[in-house]
């Protein structure tokens, strides 16, 4: 089974400008949104099956919840989401993870994923997080493109990770990454391969 790709936000980078398309509204999580949120998370099979228990364990019990949960609403439905997670290292270095990014299939291609992820980055920065990362699966090519467009940089240790096929060579082609694929939190983890 292929590993997930870890991507890091360069500390000195500014969040790209982002604006929400007409008819969409940014919302913070409230208990009233739980059913609509579950409906979005359960759309398609990409995030697995969700119920209230999994929502509580995976998202709502996080130290940065509910203020770190960002939702986009359209015509009384939740159509996009991304969340901020505290992932402080064992050494005590403050780190945040961007996670559970989802855009409804009917609303893709409108910049909603870019917008909601940028909101999470802004949230981290406003709360003193300098180390920001995410993990994603190799088959989520559109998501990887969005993360690269936002400014995230990949950390790749192993050519068997699923991120070295023809499609990913095209996606990563010509990109210059400041971090050279090394982990800023775990510097002892040296990259084994470079795709540049």
Protein backbone atom coordinates (compact mmCIF):
# COMPACT_ATOMS: atom_id res chain seq x y z
CA UNK A 1 0.00 0.00 0.00
CA UNK A 2 1.49 3.38 -0.98
CA UNK A 3 2.42 5.86 1.72
CA UNK A 4 0.72 9.20 2.06
CA UNK A 5 2.53 12.25 0.79
CA UNK A 6 3.47 14.78 3.45
CA UNK A 7 3.66 18.40 2.34
CA UNK A 8 5.03 21.36 4.32
CA UNK A 9 4.15 25.05 4.31
CA UNK A 10 7.31 27.22 4.04
CA UNK A 11 7.43 29.28 7.26
CA UNK A 12 8.21 32.62 5.63
CA UNK A 13 5.57 32.28 2.91
CA UNK A 14 2.54 34.57 2.84
CA UNK A 15 -0.87 33.02 2.37
CA UNK A 16 -2.00 33.53 -1.24
CA UNK A 17 -4.86 35.91 -1.87
CA UNK A 18 -8.13 34.06 -1.92
CA UNK A 19 -11.74 35.04 -2.38
CA UNK A 20 -14.95 33.09 -2.27
CA UNK A 21 -17.16 32.72 -5.32
CA UNK A 22 -20.58 34.40 -5.30
CA UNK A 23 -23.30 32.39 -3.61
CA UNK A 24 -20.88 30.73 -1.14
CA UNK A 25 -20.42 31.64 2.52
CA UNK A 26 -17.61 30.76 4.92
CA UNK A 27 -18.87 29.35 8.22
CA UNK A 28 -17.33 28.14 11.45
CA UNK A 29 -18.53 24.83 12.85
CA UNK A 30 -21.63 24.81 15.08
CA UNK A 31 -23.50 21.80 16.48
CA UNK A 32 -26.44 22.71 14.19
CA UNK A 33 -24.23 21.87 11.17
CA UNK A 34 -23.39 18.32 12.28
CA UNK A 35 -25.86 16.54 9.95
CA UNK A 36 -24.91 18.68 6.93
CA UNK A 37 -21.22 18.18 7.73
CA UNK A 38 -21.68 14.39 7.89
CA UNK A 39 -23.56 14.46 4.59
CA UNK A 40 -20.56 16.17 2.92
CA UNK A 41 -18.01 13.82 4.52
CA UNK A 42 -20.01 10.79 3.36
CA UNK A 43 -20.34 12.00 -0.25
CA UNK A 44 -18.32 9.64 -2.43
CA UNK A 45 -15.94 7.10 -0.95
CA UNK A 46 -12.75 9.18 -0.77
CA UNK A 47 -12.92 9.82 3.01
CA UNK A 48 -14.59 6.57 4.03
CA UNK A 49 -17.80 6.20 6.01
CA UNK A 50 -18.69 8.76 8.67
CA UNK A 51 -21.11 8.77 11.61
CA UNK A 52 -21.39 11.01 14.69
CA UNK A 53 -18.93 8.87 16.66
CA UNK A 54 -16.23 9.07 13.97
CA UNK A 55 -16.85 12.81 13.57
CA UNK A 56 -16.34 13.28 17.31
CA UNK A 57 -13.19 11.12 17.47
CA UNK A 58 -11.56 12.35 14.24
CA UNK A 59 -12.45 16.03 14.08
CA UNK A 60 -14.44 17.48 16.99
CA UNK A 61 -12.20 16.17 19.80
CA UNK A 62 -9.15 17.97 18.39
CA UNK A 63 -7.64 20.70 20.60
CA UNK A 64 -8.28 23.30 17.86
CA UNK A 65 -11.97 22.41 17.42
CA UNK A 66 -14.44 23.91 16.83
CA UNK A 67 -12.69 27.18 15.96
CA UNK A 68 -10.29 25.37 13.60
CA UNK A 69 -13.07 23.82 11.49
CA UNK A 70 -13.92 25.80 8.36
CA UNK A 71 -17.01 25.12 6.28
CA UNK A 72 -18.38 26.62 3.08
CA UNK A 73 -22.14 26.79 2.72
CA UNK A 74 -24.16 27.07 -0.49
CA UNK A 75 -27.96 27.14 -0.54
CA UNK A 76 -28.27 25.63 2.95
CA UNK A 77 -25.79 22.80 2.25
CA UNK A 78 -22.21 22.40 3.46
CA UNK A 79 -20.20 21.98 0.24
CA UNK A 80 -16.55 22.27 1.38
CA UNK A 81 -14.49 21.87 4.52
CA UNK A 82 -10.96 21.83 5.92
CA UNK A 83 -9.76 21.60 9.51
CA UNK A 84 -6.79 22.65 11.63
CA UNK A 85 -5.19 20.10 13.98
CA UNK A 86 -2.61 20.60 16.70
CA UNK A 87 0.30 18.22 16.04
CA UNK A 88 2.94 19.50 18.43
CA UNK A 89 6.05 17.31 18.13
CA UNK A 90 7.27 15.02 20.93
CA UNK A 91 10.03 17.59 21.53
CA UNK A 92 7.37 20.25 22.19
CA UNK A 93 7.72 22.14 18.90
CA UNK A 94 4.36 23.58 17.94
CA UNK A 95 3.05 22.20 14.63
CA UNK A 96 -0.29 22.21 12.87
CA UNK A 97 -1.80 19.83 10.35
CA UNK A 98 -4.30 20.81 7.66
CA UNK A 99 -6.70 17.91 7.41
CA UNK A 100 -10.01 16.43 6.27
CA UNK A 101 -10.22 18.61 3.17
CA UNK A 102 -13.34 17.86 1.15
CA UNK A 103 -15.26 19.64 -1.61
CA UNK A 104 -18.61 18.35 -2.85
CA UNK A 105 -18.32 16.84 -6.32
CA UNK A 106 -21.05 19.22 -7.60
CA UNK A 107 -19.02 22.25 -6.50
CA UNK A 108 -15.50 21.34 -7.61
CA UNK A 109 -13.54 23.59 -9.96
CA UNK A 110 -14.69 26.80 -8.23
CA UNK A 111 -11.66 27.35 -5.99
CA UNK A 112 -13.46 26.24 -2.83
CA UNK A 113 -10.72 23.82 -1.76
CA UNK A 114 -8.07 26.50 -2.29
CA UNK A 115 -10.13 29.01 -0.31
CA UNK A 116 -10.93 26.78 2.67
CA UNK A 117 -7.30 25.53 2.89
CA UNK A 118 -6.02 29.13 2.79
CA UNK A 119 -8.38 29.95 5.66
CA UNK A 120 -6.86 27.13 7.73
CA UNK A 121 -3.33 28.40 6.96
CA UNK A 122 -4.38 31.90 8.07
CA UNK A 123 -5.85 30.40 11.25
CA UNK A 124 -2.59 28.60 12.05
CA UNK A 125 -0.51 31.71 11.42
CA UNK A 126 -2.81 33.87 13.56
CA UNK A 127 -2.41 31.34 16.39
CA UNK A 128 1.39 31.21 16.31
CA UNK A 129 1.93 28.02 14.31
CA UNK A 130 5.05 28.19 12.14
CA UNK A 131 5.30 24.51 11.19
CA UNK A 132 2.27 23.62 9.06
CA UNK A 133 1.87 20.40 7.10
CA UNK A 134 -0.67 18.08 5.52
CA UNK A 135 -0.79 14.49 4.34
CA UNK A 136 -2.64 13.21 1.30
CA UNK A 137 -3.13 10.07 -0.77
CA UNK A 138 -1.43 9.45 -4.12
CA UNK A 139 -4.73 9.19 -6.01
CA UNK A 140 -5.86 12.71 -4.97
CA UNK A 141 -4.15 14.47 -7.89
CA UNK A 142 -6.49 17.48 -7.94
CA UNK A 143 -5.88 18.00 -4.22
CA UNK A 144 -2.08 17.80 -4.68
CA UNK A 145 -2.31 20.40 -7.45
CA UNK A 146 -4.29 22.67 -5.10
CA UNK A 147 -1.75 22.21 -2.30
CA UNK A 148 1.12 23.04 -4.67
CA UNK A 149 -0.76 26.11 -5.92
CA UNK A 150 -1.21 27.22 -2.30
CA UNK A 151 2.55 26.88 -1.78
CA UNK A 152 2.96 23.58 0.07
CA UNK A 153 6.12 21.61 -0.69
CA UNK A 154 6.41 17.80 -0.76
CA UNK A 155 8.50 15.69 1.57
CA UNK A 156 9.39 12.51 -0.29
CA UNK A 157 11.54 9.76 1.16
CA UNK A 158 10.76 6.76 -0.98
CA UNK A 159 10.22 6.30 -4.72
CA UNK A 160 7.66 3.57 -4.00
CA UNK A 161 5.30 6.10 -2.40
CA UNK A 162 2.98 6.28 -5.43
CA UNK A 163 4.00 9.85 -6.25
CA UNK A 164 6.50 9.00 -8.98
CA UNK A 165 4.22 7.87 -11.77
CA UNK A 166 3.88 9.70 -15.05
CA UNK A 167 1.11 12.00 -13.78
CA UNK A 168 3.08 13.14 -10.75
CA UNK A 169 6.23 13.79 -12.74
CA UNK A 170 4.12 16.23 -14.78
CA UNK A 171 2.60 17.82 -11.65
CA UNK A 172 5.97 18.30 -9.93
CA UNK A 173 7.84 19.20 -13.13
CA UNK A 174 9.62 22.54 -13.02
CA UNK A 175 8.74 23.25 -9.38
CA UNK A 176 11.48 24.55 -7.12
CA UNK A 177 11.01 23.59 -3.49
CA UNK A 178 12.73 25.51 -0.68
CA UNK A 179 12.67 22.61 1.76
CA UNK A 180 14.42 20.09 -0.51
CA UNK A 181 12.04 17.39 0.77
CA UNK A 182 13.48 17.28 4.31
CA UNK A 183 11.16 17.37 7.30
CA UNK A 184 11.41 20.69 9.17
CA UNK A 185 10.22 19.07 12.41
CA UNK A 186 12.23 15.87 12.14
CA UNK A 187 15.52 17.01 10.51
CA UNK A 188 17.09 13.61 11.22
CA UNK A 189 14.80 12.21 8.50
CA UNK A 190 16.85 12.89 5.41
CA UNK A 191 15.19 12.61 2.01
CA UNK A 192 16.23 9.62 -0.04
CA UNK A 193 15.29 10.97 -3.43
CA UNK A 194 14.82 14.25 -5.24
CA UNK A 195 12.46 14.71 -8.17
CA UNK A 196 13.90 18.01 -9.38
